[in-house]
PDB file of all heavy atoms in Angstrom:
ATOM      1  N   GLY A   1     -35.225   9.201 -14.190  1.00  0.00           N
ATOM      2  CA  GLY A   1     -35.030   8.190 -15.226  1.00  0.00           C
ATOM      3  C   GLY A   1     -34.698   8.805 -16.566  1.00  0.00           C
ATOM      4  O   GLY A   1     -33.803   8.337 -17.286  1.00  0.00           O
ATOM      5  N   ILE A   2     -35.406   9.880 -16.907  1.00  0.00           N
ATOM      6  CA  ILE A   2     -35.147  10.566 -18.177  1.00  0.00           C
ATOM      7  C   ILE A   2     -33.768  11.212 -18.164  1.00  0.00           C
ATOM      8  O   ILE A   2     -33.029  11.170 -19.158  1.00  0.00           O
ATOM      9  CB  ILE A   2     -36.265  11.590 -18.434  1.00  0.00           C
ATOM     10  CG1 ILE A   2     -37.594  10.848 -18.714  1.00  0.00           C
ATOM     11  CG2 ILE A   2     -35.921  12.519 -19.587  1.00  0.00           C
ATOM     12  CD1 ILE A   2     -38.812  11.744 -18.743  1.00  0.00           C
ATOM     13  N   GLY A   3     -33.382  11.780 -17.005  1.00  0.00           N
ATOM     14  CA  GLY A   3     -32.041  12.354 -16.884  1.00  0.00           C
ATOM     15  C   GLY A   3     -30.958  11.302 -16.957  1.00  0.00           C
ATOM     16  O   GLY A   3     -29.892  11.531 -17.546  1.00  0.00           O
ATOM     17  N   LEU A   4     -31.204  10.140 -16.367  1.00  0.00           N
ATOM     18  CA  LEU A   4     -30.242   9.041 -16.453  1.00  0.00           C
ATOM     19  C   LEU A   4     -30.037   8.625 -17.897  1.00  0.00           C
ATOM     20  O   LEU A   4     -28.900   8.385 -18.332  1.00  0.00           O
ATOM     21  CB  LEU A   4     -30.719   7.853 -15.621  1.00  0.00           C
ATOM     22  CG  LEU A   4     -29.891   6.577 -15.735  1.00  0.00           C
ATOM     23  CD1 LEU A   4     -28.448   6.809 -15.304  1.00  0.00           C
ATOM     24  CD2 LEU A   4     -30.527   5.444 -14.923  1.00  0.00           C
ATOM     25  N   ALA A   5     -31.110   8.526 -18.649  1.00  0.00           N
ATOM     26  CA  ALA A   5     -30.987   8.155 -20.059  1.00  0.00           C
ATOM     27  C   ALA A   5     -30.121   9.159 -20.808  1.00  0.00           C
ATOM     28  O   ALA A   5     -29.277   8.782 -21.635  1.00  0.00           O
ATOM     29  CB  ALA A   5     -32.361   8.062 -20.703  1.00  0.00           C
ATOM     30  N   ALA A   6     -30.298  10.455 -20.518  1.00  0.00           N
ATOM     31  CA  ALA A   6     -29.478  11.479 -21.170  1.00  0.00           C
ATOM     32  C   ALA A   6     -28.010  11.295 -20.821  1.00  0.00           C
ATOM     33  O   ALA A   6     -27.123  11.453 -21.676  1.00  0.00           O
ATOM     34  CB  ALA A   6     -29.957  12.871 -20.768  1.00  0.00           C
ATOM     35  N   ALA A   7     -27.737  10.943 -19.561  1.00  0.00           N
ATOM     36  CA  ALA A   7     -26.347  10.716 -19.145  1.00  0.00           C
ATOM     37  C   ALA A   7     -25.753   9.504 -19.850  1.00  0.00           C
ATOM     38  O   ALA A   7     -24.607   9.542 -20.329  1.00  0.00           O
ATOM     39  CB  ALA A   7     -26.290  10.531 -17.631  1.00  0.00           C
ATOM     40  N   LEU A   8     -26.510   8.427 -19.923  1.00  0.00           N
ATOM     41  CA  LEU A   8     -25.987   7.214 -20.557  1.00  0.00           C
ATOM     42  C   LEU A   8     -25.801   7.411 -22.061  1.00  0.00           C
ATOM     43  O   LEU A   8     -24.842   6.882 -22.650  1.00  0.00           O
ATOM     44  CB  LEU A   8     -26.917   6.035 -20.281  1.00  0.00           C
ATOM     45  CG  LEU A   8     -27.105   5.671 -18.803  1.00  0.00           C
ATOM     46  CD1 LEU A   8     -27.961   4.414 -18.664  1.00  0.00           C
ATOM     47  CD2 LEU A   8     -25.775   5.490 -18.094  1.00  0.00           C
ATOM     48  N   GLU A   9     -26.694   8.157 -22.684  1.00  0.00           N
ATOM     49  CA  GLU A   9     -26.507   8.465 -24.107  1.00  0.00           C
ATOM     50  C   GLU A   9     -25.255   9.311 -24.311  1.00  0.00           C
ATOM     51  O   GLU A   9     -24.534   9.125 -25.299  1.00  0.00           O
ATOM     52  CB  GLU A   9     -27.743   9.179 -24.644  1.00  0.00           C
ATOM     53  CG  GLU A   9     -28.933   8.245 -24.827  1.00  0.00           C
ATOM     54  CD  GLU A   9     -30.200   8.977 -25.236  1.00  0.00           C
ATOM     55  OE1 GLU A   9     -30.345  10.167 -24.866  1.00  0.00           O
ATOM     56  OE2 GLU A   9     -31.043   8.363 -25.924  1.00  0.00           O
ATOM     57  N   TYR A  10     -24.993  10.226 -23.390  1.00  0.00           N
ATOM     58  CA  TYR A  10     -23.759  11.017 -23.447  1.00  0.00           C
ATOM     59  C   TYR A  10     -22.539  10.100 -23.386  1.00  0.00           C
ATOM     60  O   TYR A  10     -21.604  10.233 -24.184  1.00  0.00           O
ATOM     61  CB  TYR A  10     -23.735  12.014 -22.281  1.00  0.00           C
ATOM     62  CG  TYR A  10     -22.483  12.845 -22.195  1.00  0.00           C
ATOM     63  CD1 TYR A  10     -22.367  14.041 -22.897  1.00  0.00           C
ATOM     64  CD2 TYR A  10     -21.411  12.438 -21.406  1.00  0.00           C
ATOM     65  CE1 TYR A  10     -21.208  14.806 -22.827  1.00  0.00           C
ATOM     66  CE2 TYR A  10     -20.253  13.194 -21.328  1.00  0.00           C
ATOM     67  CZ  TYR A  10     -20.159  14.379 -22.044  1.00  0.00           C
ATOM     68  OH  TYR A  10     -19.001  15.124 -21.971  1.00  0.00           O
ATOM     69  N   VAL A  11     -22.554   9.155 -22.448  1.00  0.00           N
ATOM     70  CA  VAL A  11     -21.425   8.237 -22.290  1.00  0.00           C
ATOM     71  C   VAL A  11     -21.275   7.338 -23.511  1.00  0.00           C
ATOM     72  O   VAL A  11     -20.167   7.119 -24.009  1.00  0.00           O
ATOM     73  CB  VAL A  11     -21.601   7.393 -21.012  1.00  0.00           C
ATOM     74  CG1 VAL A  11     -20.564   6.279 -20.946  1.00  0.00           C
ATOM     75  CG2 VAL A  11     -21.502   8.278 -19.771  1.00  0.00           C
ATOM     76  N   MET A  12     -22.405   6.812 -24.030  1.00  0.00           N
ATOM     77  CA  MET A  12     -22.328   5.888 -25.159  1.00  0.00           C
ATOM     78  C   MET A  12     -21.854   6.568 -26.437  1.00  0.00           C
ATOM     79  O   MET A  12     -21.351   5.902 -27.347  1.00  0.00           O
ATOM     80  CB  MET A  12     -23.685   5.213 -25.377  1.00  0.00           C
ATOM     81  CG  MET A  12     -24.019   4.185 -24.307  1.00  0.00           C
ATOM     82  SD  MET A  12     -25.506   3.184 -24.681  1.00  0.00           S
ATOM     83  CE  MET A  12     -26.804   4.370 -24.362  1.00  0.00           C
ATOM     84  N   ALA A  13     -21.989   7.886 -26.510  1.00  0.00           N
ATOM     85  CA  ALA A  13     -21.529   8.615 -27.692  1.00  0.00           C
ATOM     86  C   ALA A  13     -20.020   8.859 -27.678  1.00  0.00           C
ATOM     87  O   ALA A  13     -19.448   9.270 -28.694  1.00  0.00           O
ATOM     88  CB  ALA A  13     -22.262   9.952 -27.801  1.00  0.00           C
ATOM     89  N   LEU A  14     -19.370   8.600 -26.541  1.00  0.00           N
ATOM     90  CA  LEU A  14     -17.937   8.837 -26.423  1.00  0.00           C
ATOM     91  C   LEU A  14     -17.136   7.705 -27.057  1.00  0.00           C
ATOM     92  O   LEU A  14     -17.599   6.565 -27.142  1.00  0.00           O
ATOM     93  CB  LEU A  14     -17.549   8.946 -24.946  1.00  0.00           C
ATOM     94  CG  LEU A  14     -18.143  10.103 -24.149  1.00  0.00           C
ATOM     95  CD1 LEU A  14     -17.853   9.900 -22.660  1.00  0.00           C
ATOM     96  CD2 LEU A  14     -17.588  11.439 -24.627  1.00  0.00           C
ATOM     97  N   ASP A  15     -15.931   8.025 -27.468  1.00  0.00           N
ATOM     98  CA  ASP A  15     -14.958   6.998 -27.852  1.00  0.00           C
ATOM     99  C   ASP A  15     -14.387   6.444 -26.555  1.00  0.00           C
ATOM    100  O   ASP A  15     -13.472   7.020 -25.970  1.00  0.00           O
ATOM    101  CB  ASP A  15     -13.856   7.620 -28.713  1.00  0.00           C
ATOM    102  CG  ASP A  15     -12.785   6.615 -29.105  1.00  0.00           C
ATOM    103  OD1 ASP A  15     -12.779   5.489 -28.564  1.00  0.00           O
ATOM    104  OD2 ASP A  15     -11.924   6.971 -29.933  1.00  0.00           O
ATOM    105  N   PHE A  16     -14.954   5.323 -26.093  1.00  0.00           N
ATOM    106  CA  PHE A  16     -14.610   4.888 -24.749  1.00  0.00           C
ATOM    107  C   PHE A  16     -13.196   4.323 -24.659  1.00  0.00           C
ATOM    108  O   PHE A  16     -12.590   4.341 -23.583  1.00  0.00           O
ATOM    109  CB  PHE A  16     -15.642   3.888 -24.213  1.00  0.00           C
ATOM    110  CG  PHE A  16     -16.019   4.197 -22.789  1.00  0.00           C
ATOM    111  CD1 PHE A  16     -16.809   5.299 -22.504  1.00  0.00           C
ATOM    112  CD2 PHE A  16     -15.567   3.421 -21.738  1.00  0.00           C
ATOM    113  CE1 PHE A  16     -17.153   5.614 -21.196  1.00  0.00           C
ATOM    114  CE2 PHE A  16     -15.908   3.716 -20.430  1.00  0.00           C
ATOM    115  CZ  PHE A  16     -16.694   4.817 -20.160  1.00  0.00           C
ATOM    116  N   ARG A  17     -12.662   3.830 -25.755  1.00  0.00           N
ATOM    117  CA  ARG A  17     -11.253   3.416 -25.717  1.00  0.00           C
ATOM    118  C   ARG A  17     -10.370   4.613 -25.416  1.00  0.00           C
ATOM    119  O   ARG A  17      -9.410   4.530 -24.644  1.00  0.00           O
ATOM    120  CB  ARG A  17     -10.850   2.771 -27.040  1.00  0.00           C
ATOM    121  CG  ARG A  17     -11.420   1.384 -27.280  1.00  0.00           C
ATOM    122  CD  ARG A  17     -10.996   0.846 -28.644  1.00  0.00           C
ATOM    123  NE  ARG A  17     -11.557  -0.461 -28.893  1.00  0.00           N
ATOM    124  CZ  ARG A  17     -10.943  -1.614 -28.646  1.00  0.00           C
ATOM    125  NH1 ARG A  17      -9.737  -1.584 -28.086  1.00  0.00           N
ATOM    126  NH2 ARG A  17     -11.507  -2.763 -28.913  1.00  0.00           N
ATOM    127  N   ALA A  18     -10.698   5.747 -26.025  1.00  0.00           N
ATOM    128  CA  ALA A  18      -9.931   6.971 -25.773  1.00  0.00           C
ATOM    129  C   ALA A  18     -10.133   7.450 -24.344  1.00  0.00           C
ATOM    130  O   ALA A  18      -9.196   7.925 -23.697  1.00  0.00           O
ATOM    131  CB  ALA A  18     -10.335   8.057 -26.765  1.00  0.00           C
ATOM    132  N   VAL A  19     -11.362   7.335 -23.821  1.00  0.00           N
ATOM    133  CA  VAL A  19     -11.629   7.713 -22.430  1.00  0.00           C
ATOM    134  C   VAL A  19     -10.796   6.848 -21.484  1.00  0.00           C
ATOM    135  O   VAL A  19     -10.168   7.354 -20.534  1.00  0.00           O
ATOM    136  CB  VAL A  19     -13.126   7.581 -22.102  1.00  0.00           C
ATOM    137  CG1 VAL A  19     -13.375   7.766 -20.611  1.00  0.00           C
ATOM    138  CG2 VAL A  19     -13.943   8.592 -22.897  1.00  0.00           C
ATOM    139  N   GLU A  20     -10.795   5.544 -21.716  1.00  0.00           N
ATOM    140  CA  GLU A  20     -10.026   4.647 -20.855  1.00  0.00           C
ATOM    141  C   GLU A  20      -8.534   4.965 -20.913  1.00  0.00           C
ATOM    142  O   GLU A  20      -7.848   4.936 -19.881  1.00  0.00           O
ATOM    143  CB  GLU A  20     -10.280   3.198 -21.254  1.00  0.00           C
ATOM    144  CG  GLU A  20     -11.686   2.712 -20.887  1.00  0.00           C
ATOM    145  CD  GLU A  20     -11.954   1.301 -21.359  1.00  0.00           C
ATOM    146  OE1 GLU A  20     -11.206   0.816 -22.242  1.00  0.00           O
ATOM    147  OE2 GLU A  20     -12.899   0.684 -20.850  1.00  0.00           O
ATOM    148  N   ALA A  21      -8.031   5.283 -22.095  1.00  0.00           N
ATOM    149  CA  ALA A  21      -6.620   5.650 -22.218  1.00  0.00           C
ATOM    150  C   ALA A  21      -6.335   6.945 -21.461  1.00  0.00           C
ATOM    151  O   ALA A  21      -5.297   7.081 -20.792  1.00  0.00           O
ATOM    152  CB  ALA A  21      -6.245   5.797 -23.688  1.00  0.00           C
ATOM    153  N   HIS A  22      -7.246   7.890 -21.565  1.00  0.00           N
ATOM    154  CA  HIS A  22      -7.091   9.166 -20.858  1.00  0.00           C
ATOM    155  C   HIS A  22      -7.067   8.942 -19.345  1.00  0.00           C
ATOM    156  O   HIS A  22      -6.193   9.478 -18.642  1.00  0.00           O
ATOM    157  CB  HIS A  22      -8.242  10.094 -21.249  1.00  0.00           C
ATOM    158  CG  HIS A  22      -8.329  11.344 -20.438  1.00  0.00           C
ATOM    159  ND1 HIS A  22      -7.396  12.357 -20.515  1.00  0.00           N
ATOM    160  CD2 HIS A  22      -9.255  11.760 -19.523  1.00  0.00           C
ATOM    161  CE1 HIS A  22      -7.724  13.336 -19.694  1.00  0.00           C
ATOM    162  NE2 HIS A  22      -8.850  12.993 -19.081  1.00  0.00           N
ATOM    163  N   GLU A  23      -7.994   8.150 -18.840  1.00  0.00           N
ATOM    164  CA  GLU A  23      -8.052   7.922 -17.404  1.00  0.00           C
ATOM    165  C   GLU A  23      -6.857   7.103 -16.922  1.00  0.00           C
ATOM    166  O   GLU A  23      -6.353   7.327 -15.809  1.00  0.00           O
ATOM    167  CB  GLU A  23      -9.364   7.242 -17.034  1.00  0.00           C
ATOM    168  CG  GLU A  23     -10.578   8.156 -17.213  1.00  0.00           C
ATOM    169  CD  GLU A  23     -11.850   7.587 -16.618  1.00  0.00           C
ATOM    170  OE1 GLU A  23     -11.811   6.463 -16.074  1.00  0.00           O
ATOM    171  OE2 GLU A  23     -12.887   8.270 -16.677  1.00  0.00           O
ATOM    172  N   ALA A  24      -6.403   6.160 -17.732  1.00  0.00           N
ATOM    173  CA  ALA A  24      -5.215   5.400 -17.365  1.00  0.00           C
ATOM    174  C   ALA A  24      -3.995   6.309 -17.275  1.00  0.00           C
ATOM    175  O   ALA A  24      -3.153   6.167 -16.372  1.00  0.00           O
ATOM    176  CB  ALA A  24      -4.965   4.283 -18.378  1.00  0.00           C
ATOM    177  N   ASP A  25      -3.896   7.251 -18.195  1.00  0.00           N
ATOM    178  CA  ASP A  25      -2.807   8.217 -18.142  1.00  0.00           C
ATOM    179  C   ASP A  25      -2.883   9.055 -16.876  1.00  0.00           C
ATOM    180  O   ASP A  25      -1.872   9.287 -16.195  1.00  0.00           O
ATOM    181  CB  ASP A  25      -2.856   9.123 -19.373  1.00  0.00           C
ATOM    182  CG  ASP A  25      -1.879  10.289 -19.279  1.00  0.00           C
ATOM    183  OD1 ASP A  25      -0.657  10.030 -19.268  1.00  0.00           O
ATOM    184  OD2 ASP A  25      -2.335  11.448 -19.179  1.00  0.00           O
ATOM    185  N   LEU A  26      -4.085   9.527 -16.542  1.00  0.00           N
ATOM    186  CA  LEU A  26      -4.244  10.323 -15.327  1.00  0.00           C
ATOM    187  C   LEU A  26      -3.859   9.526 -14.090  1.00  0.00           C
ATOM    188  O   LEU A  26      -3.217  10.054 -13.169  1.00  0.00           O
ATOM    189  CB  LEU A  26      -5.689  10.797 -15.196  1.00  0.00           C
ATOM    190  CG  LEU A  26      -6.185  11.849 -16.176  1.00  0.00           C
ATOM    191  CD1 LEU A  26      -7.662  12.155 -15.909  1.00  0.00           C
ATOM    192  CD2 LEU A  26      -5.366  13.128 -16.090  1.00  0.00           C
ATOM    193  N   LEU A  27      -4.243   8.251 -14.054  1.00  0.00           N
ATOM    194  CA  LEU A  27      -3.934   7.419 -12.898  1.00  0.00           C
ATOM    195  C   LEU A  27      -2.424   7.213 -12.758  1.00  0.00           C
ATOM    196  O   LEU A  27      -1.867   7.329 -11.660  1.00  0.00           O
ATOM    197  CB  LEU A  27      -4.647   6.072 -13.026  1.00  0.00           C
ATOM    198  CG  LEU A  27      -4.500   5.115 -11.845  1.00  0.00           C
ATOM    199  CD1 LEU A  27      -5.038   5.733 -10.561  1.00  0.00           C
ATOM    200  CD2 LEU A  27      -5.215   3.801 -12.140  1.00  0.00           C
ATOM    201  N   GLU A  28      -1.746   6.938 -13.856  1.00  0.00           N
ATOM    202  CA  GLU A  28      -0.294   6.762 -13.802  1.00  0.00           C
ATOM    203  C   GLU A  28       0.408   8.062 -13.425  1.00  0.00           C
ATOM    204  O   GLU A  28       1.314   8.081 -12.584  1.00  0.00           O
ATOM    205  CB  GLU A  28       0.221   6.236 -15.142  1.00  0.00           C
ATOM    206  CG  GLU A  28      -0.140   4.790 -15.402  1.00  0.00           C
ATOM    207  CD  GLU A  28       0.667   4.196 -16.545  1.00  0.00           C
ATOM    208  OE1 GLU A  28       1.666   4.836 -16.969  1.00  0.00           O
ATOM    209  OE2 GLU A  28       0.310   3.113 -17.007  1.00  0.00           O
ATOM    210  N   TYR A  29      -0.031   9.147 -14.053  1.00  0.00           N
ATOM    211  CA  TYR A  29       0.575  10.445 -13.764  1.00  0.00           C
ATOM    212  C   TYR A  29       0.321  10.843 -12.309  1.00  0.00           C
ATOM    213  O   TYR A  29       1.240  11.299 -11.604  1.00  0.00           O
ATOM    214  CB  TYR A  29      -0.010  11.489 -14.706  1.00  0.00           C
ATOM    215  CG  TYR A  29       0.573  12.879 -14.539  1.00  0.00           C
ATOM    216  CD1 TYR A  29       1.847  13.189 -15.010  1.00  0.00           C
ATOM    217  CD2 TYR A  29      -0.164  13.882 -13.908  1.00  0.00           C
ATOM    218  CE1 TYR A  29       2.381  14.467 -14.863  1.00  0.00           C
ATOM    219  CE2 TYR A  29       0.358  15.160 -13.753  1.00  0.00           C
ATOM    220  CZ  TYR A  29       1.627  15.445 -14.224  1.00  0.00           C
ATOM    221  OH  TYR A  29       2.144  16.714 -14.071  1.00  0.00           O
ATOM    222  N   GLY A  30      -0.905  10.655 -11.846  1.00  0.00           N
ATOM    223  CA  GLY A  30      -1.228  11.000 -10.475  1.00  0.00           C
ATOM    224  C   GLY A  30      -0.474  10.155  -9.469  1.00  0.00           C
ATOM    225  O   GLY A  30      -0.014  10.655  -8.432  1.00  0.00           O
ATOM    226  N   THR A  31      -0.349   8.860  -9.755  1.00  0.00           N
ATOM    227  CA  THR A  31       0.418   7.979  -8.871  1.00  0.00           C
ATOM    228  C   THR A  31       1.857   8.458  -8.755  1.00  0.00           C
ATOM    229  O   THR A  31       2.413   8.572  -7.653  1.00  0.00           O
ATOM    230  CB  THR A  31       0.377   6.538  -9.391  1.00  0.00           C
ATOM    231  OG1 THR A  31      -0.983   6.087  -9.457  1.00  0.00           O
ATOM    232  CG2 THR A  31       1.165   5.604  -8.496  1.00  0.00           C
ATOM    233  N   ALA A  32       2.465   8.778  -9.892  1.00  0.00           N
ATOM    234  CA  ALA A  32       3.859   9.231  -9.892  1.00  0.00           C
ATOM    235  C   ALA A  32       4.007  10.552  -9.142  1.00  0.00           C
ATOM    236  O   ALA A  32       4.941  10.726  -8.353  1.00  0.00           O
ATOM    237  CB  ALA A  32       4.353   9.370 -11.329  1.00  0.00           C
ATOM    238  N   ARG A  33       3.097  11.489  -9.372  1.00  0.00           N
ATOM    239  CA  ARG A  33       3.199  12.796  -8.722  1.00  0.00           C
ATOM    240  C   ARG A  33       3.013  12.687  -7.212  1.00  0.00           C
ATOM    241  O   ARG A  33       3.736  13.322  -6.433  1.00  0.00           O
ATOM    242  CB  ARG A  33       2.167  13.772  -9.289  1.00  0.00           C
ATOM    243  CG  ARG A  33       2.407  14.269 -10.707  1.00  0.00           C
ATOM    244  CD  ARG A  33       3.754  14.980 -10.897  1.00  0.00           C
ATOM    245  NE  ARG A  33       4.131  15.883  -9.826  1.00  0.00           N
ATOM    246  CZ  ARG A  33       3.777  17.173  -9.725  1.00  0.00           C
ATOM    247  NH1 ARG A  33       2.997  17.708 -10.662  1.00  0.00           N
ATOM    248  NH2 ARG A  33       4.203  17.930  -8.719  1.00  0.00           N
ATOM    249  N   LEU A  34       2.055  11.883  -6.784  1.00  0.00           N
ATOM    250  CA  LEU A  34       1.822  11.739  -5.345  1.00  0.00           C
ATOM    251  C   LEU A  34       3.004  11.086  -4.654  1.00  0.00           C
ATOM    252  O   LEU A  34       3.366  11.449  -3.526  1.00  0.00           O
ATOM    253  CB  LEU A  34       0.552  10.939  -5.085  1.00  0.00           C
ATOM    254  CG  LEU A  34      -0.771  11.641  -5.382  1.00  0.00           C
ATOM    255  CD1 LEU A  34      -1.944  10.728  -5.049  1.00  0.00           C
ATOM    256  CD2 LEU A  34      -0.908  12.953  -4.629  1.00  0.00           C
ATOM    257  N   LEU A  35       3.638  10.129  -5.320  1.00  0.00           N
ATOM    258  CA  LEU A  35       4.775   9.438  -4.710  1.00  0.00           C
ATOM    259  C   LEU A  35       6.010  10.329  -4.592  1.00  0.00           C
ATOM    260  O   LEU A  35       6.977   9.966  -3.910  1.00  0.00           O
ATOM    261  CB  LEU A  35       5.106   8.171  -5.497  1.00  0.00           C
ATOM    262  CG  LEU A  35       4.052   7.052  -5.388  1.00  0.00           C
ATOM    263  CD1 LEU A  35       4.433   5.874  -6.266  1.00  0.00           C
ATOM    264  CD2 LEU A  35       3.869   6.600  -3.938  1.00  0.00           C
ATOM    265  N   GLU A  36       5.980  11.495  -5.218  1.00  0.00           N
ATOM    266  CA  GLU A  36       7.060  12.468  -5.041  1.00  0.00           C
ATOM    267  C   GLU A  36       6.982  13.170  -3.686  1.00  0.00           C
ATOM    268  O   GLU A  36       7.958  13.794  -3.244  1.00  0.00           O
ATOM    269  CB  GLU A  36       6.992  13.539  -6.142  1.00  0.00           C
ATOM    270  CG  GLU A  36       7.251  13.021  -7.549  1.00  0.00           C
ATOM    271  CD  GLU A  36       6.949  14.075  -8.614  1.00  0.00           C
ATOM    272  OE1 GLU A  36       6.583  15.213  -8.227  1.00  0.00           O
ATOM    273  OE2 GLU A  36       7.066  13.765  -9.809  1.00  0.00           O
ATOM    274  N   ILE A  37       5.832  13.077  -3.022  1.00  0.00           N
ATOM    275  CA  ILE A  37       5.601  13.809  -1.777  1.00  0.00           C
ATOM    276  C   ILE A  37       6.123  13.001  -0.592  1.00  0.00           C
ATOM    277  O   ILE A  37       5.715  11.847  -0.377  1.00  0.00           O
ATOM    278  CB  ILE A  37       4.099  14.112  -1.609  1.00  0.00           C
ATOM    279  CG1 ILE A  37       3.598  14.973  -2.773  1.00  0.00           C
ATOM    280  CG2 ILE A  37       3.832  14.797  -0.271  1.00  0.00           C
ATOM    281  CD1 ILE A  37       2.097  15.154  -2.804  1.00  0.00           C
ATOM    282  N   SER A  38       6.988  13.588   0.179  1.00  0.00           N
ATOM    283  CA  SER A  38       7.580  12.906   1.327  1.00  0.00           C
ATOM    284  C   SER A  38       6.512  12.539   2.344  1.00  0.00           C
ATOM    285  O   SER A  38       5.641  13.352   2.692  1.00  0.00           O
ATOM    286  CB  SER A  38       8.616  13.825   1.978  1.00  0.00           C
ATOM    287  OG  SER A  38       9.121  13.254   3.160  1.00  0.00           O
ATOM    288  N   GLY A  39       6.548  11.302   2.809  1.00  0.00           N
ATOM    289  CA  GLY A  39       5.628  10.846   3.837  1.00  0.00           C
ATOM    290  C   GLY A  39       4.270  10.421   3.327  1.00  0.00           C
ATOM    291  O   GLY A  39       3.397  10.073   4.132  1.00  0.00           O
ATOM    292  N   LEU A  40       4.060  10.431   2.015  1.00  0.00           N
ATOM    293  CA  LEU A  40       2.767  10.031   1.456  1.00  0.00           C
ATOM    294  C   LEU A  40       2.790   8.552   1.086  1.00  0.00           C
ATOM    295  O   LEU A  40       3.738   8.075   0.467  1.00  0.00           O
ATOM    296  CB  LEU A  40       2.417  10.879   0.238  1.00  0.00           C
ATOM    297  CG  LEU A  40       1.001  10.662  -0.337  1.00  0.00           C
ATOM    298  CD1 LEU A  40       0.440  11.985  -0.848  1.00  0.00           C
ATOM    299  CD2 LEU A  40       0.982   9.633  -1.460  1.00  0.00           C
ATOM    300  N   ARG A  41       1.731   7.860   1.442  1.00  0.00           N
ATOM    301  CA  ARG A  41       1.581   6.437   1.126  1.00  0.00           C
ATOM    302  C   ARG A  41       0.260   6.220   0.425  1.00  0.00           C
ATOM    303  O   ARG A  41      -0.789   6.655   0.922  1.00  0.00           O
ATOM    304  CB  ARG A  41       1.641   5.611   2.407  1.00  0.00           C
ATOM    305  CG  ARG A  41       1.379   4.114   2.208  1.00  0.00           C
ATOM    306  CD  ARG A  41       1.242   3.427   3.551  1.00  0.00           C
ATOM    307  NE  ARG A  41       0.742   2.067   3.421  1.00  0.00           N
ATOM    308  CZ  ARG A  41       0.172   1.380   4.415  1.00  0.00           C
ATOM    309  NH1 ARG A  41       0.043   1.934   5.623  1.00  0.00           N
ATOM    310  NH2 ARG A  41      -0.265   0.148   4.228  1.00  0.00           N
ATOM    311  N   ILE A  42       0.297   5.582  -0.737  1.00  0.00           N
ATOM    312  CA  ILE A  42      -0.924   5.245  -1.458  1.00  0.00           C
ATOM    313  C   ILE A  42      -1.482   3.937  -0.915  1.00  0.00           C
ATOM    314  O   ILE A  42      -0.752   2.947  -0.759  1.00  0.00           O
ATOM    315  CB  ILE A  42      -0.654   5.147  -2.971  1.00  0.00           C
ATOM    316  CG1 ILE A  42      -0.305   6.529  -3.536  1.00  0.00           C
ATOM    317  CG2 ILE A  42      -1.859   4.561  -3.709  1.00  0.00           C
ATOM    318  CD1 ILE A  42       0.051   6.532  -5.004  1.00  0.00           C
ATOM    319  N   ILE A  43      -2.785   3.946  -0.620  1.00  0.00           N
ATOM    320  CA  ILE A  43      -3.475   2.752  -0.111  1.00  0.00           C
ATOM    321  C   ILE A  43      -4.267   2.151  -1.264  1.00  0.00           C
ATOM    322  O   ILE A  43      -5.217   2.747  -1.757  1.00  0.00           O
ATOM    323  CB  ILE A  43      -4.416   3.108   1.053  1.00  0.00           C
ATOM    324  CG1 ILE A  43      -3.660   3.857   2.156  1.00  0.00           C
ATOM    325  CG2 ILE A  43      -5.086   1.855   1.592  1.00  0.00           C
ATOM    326  CD1 ILE A  43      -2.521   3.076   2.775  1.00  0.00           C
TER     327      ILE A  43
END
């Protein structure tokens, strides 16, 4: 429980709009890169 609180405090201290933008970029970039691979299908 004490460790969970430390994790949540870590997350709450982040600029979460920036985190979401970062992860959205990774998802778009990863989707594009994977679709370059012949025979690969995203589910």
